[in-house]
Amino acid sequence: MRILQQVRRVISWLVILAAMTRAAIGAEPGESAFLKRVYTNAAGARLPYRLLTPREMAPGREYPLLVFLHGAIARGDDNEEPLNWGPRLIQETLARQHRDCFVLAPQCPKGEGWTGSSFFSKDKDALTLTLELMQGPLAKEFRIDAKRRYLTGVSMGGIALWGYMAQTPGIFAAGVPVCAAGTPSMATDRAARFPIWAFHSDDDHLIPVQSARDMVEAWKKHGGSTRYTEYTGLKHSSWKKAYLDVEMFEWLFQQRLP
């Protein structure tokens, strides 16, 4: 009986200690700052998303919006996993810069690409819902600067970024594809007006670095404003450094639509 009581006492103290530690370091860094929501359109299609809002919104002031598209590993409907693959680092860097910005992180369903059943499908799905959300409900609810909307994506999300911007430039002011690539033939004079800063690692084992180099060169051949950062030894995790790059964010927020 005494042993059982001692065990219970130890467990109780461990629970208290864990709670104190959790409070001190934050079990989910930055998660509470991201609003947890679900967008449902008129047709009943649902899109889970997280939204980071500026810390203080001054009356009458408009703020930029950064849309983050996650990779295949974060697909699902838990509305949690996407935060683990970039948004928290983005939040950290924005805080270091004392920069106020909206960050929208939608979640793509399992088994789907951002633009449908495959990464290059013409049948748009989660990305279309994201644009509906951005241009509809969010634009009505918040003062978002329509000339300073930006798009970034990791892996599958970056692939969708390249494809979308090649087909539909003019919605976003600039884009940051990370460990991603597209088809060089996508590049056109019209698409290349969209400024790009791409990030990749020389040893990426899922998306070969040459495919990213080729995409950047194709963009440049059409007169595009393109920057490219190539890391060494990060494999398919370029995002871990890209989203901590202060210079990139300074460049990004200088871009704006005419």
Foldseek 3Di string as FASTA:
>chain_A
DVVVVVVVVVVVVVVVVVVVVCVVPPPDQPPVQWDWDWDADPVGAIKTKTKHFFPDDDPPDAAAEEEEEEALVQAAPPSPSQCVQFVSLLVVQCVVVVGGHMYMYIHHHHCAFQQGNDLQDVRHDNVVVVVCCVVPVVVVVHRHDQFQYEYEYAASRLQNVLNCLLVDPDRHQEYEYEQYAYDLVSAALNSLQHEYEYEEECQAPPRHPVRRVSNQVSSVVSVHNYHYYYHYDPHRRRSVVVSNDNVVVVVSRVTTGD
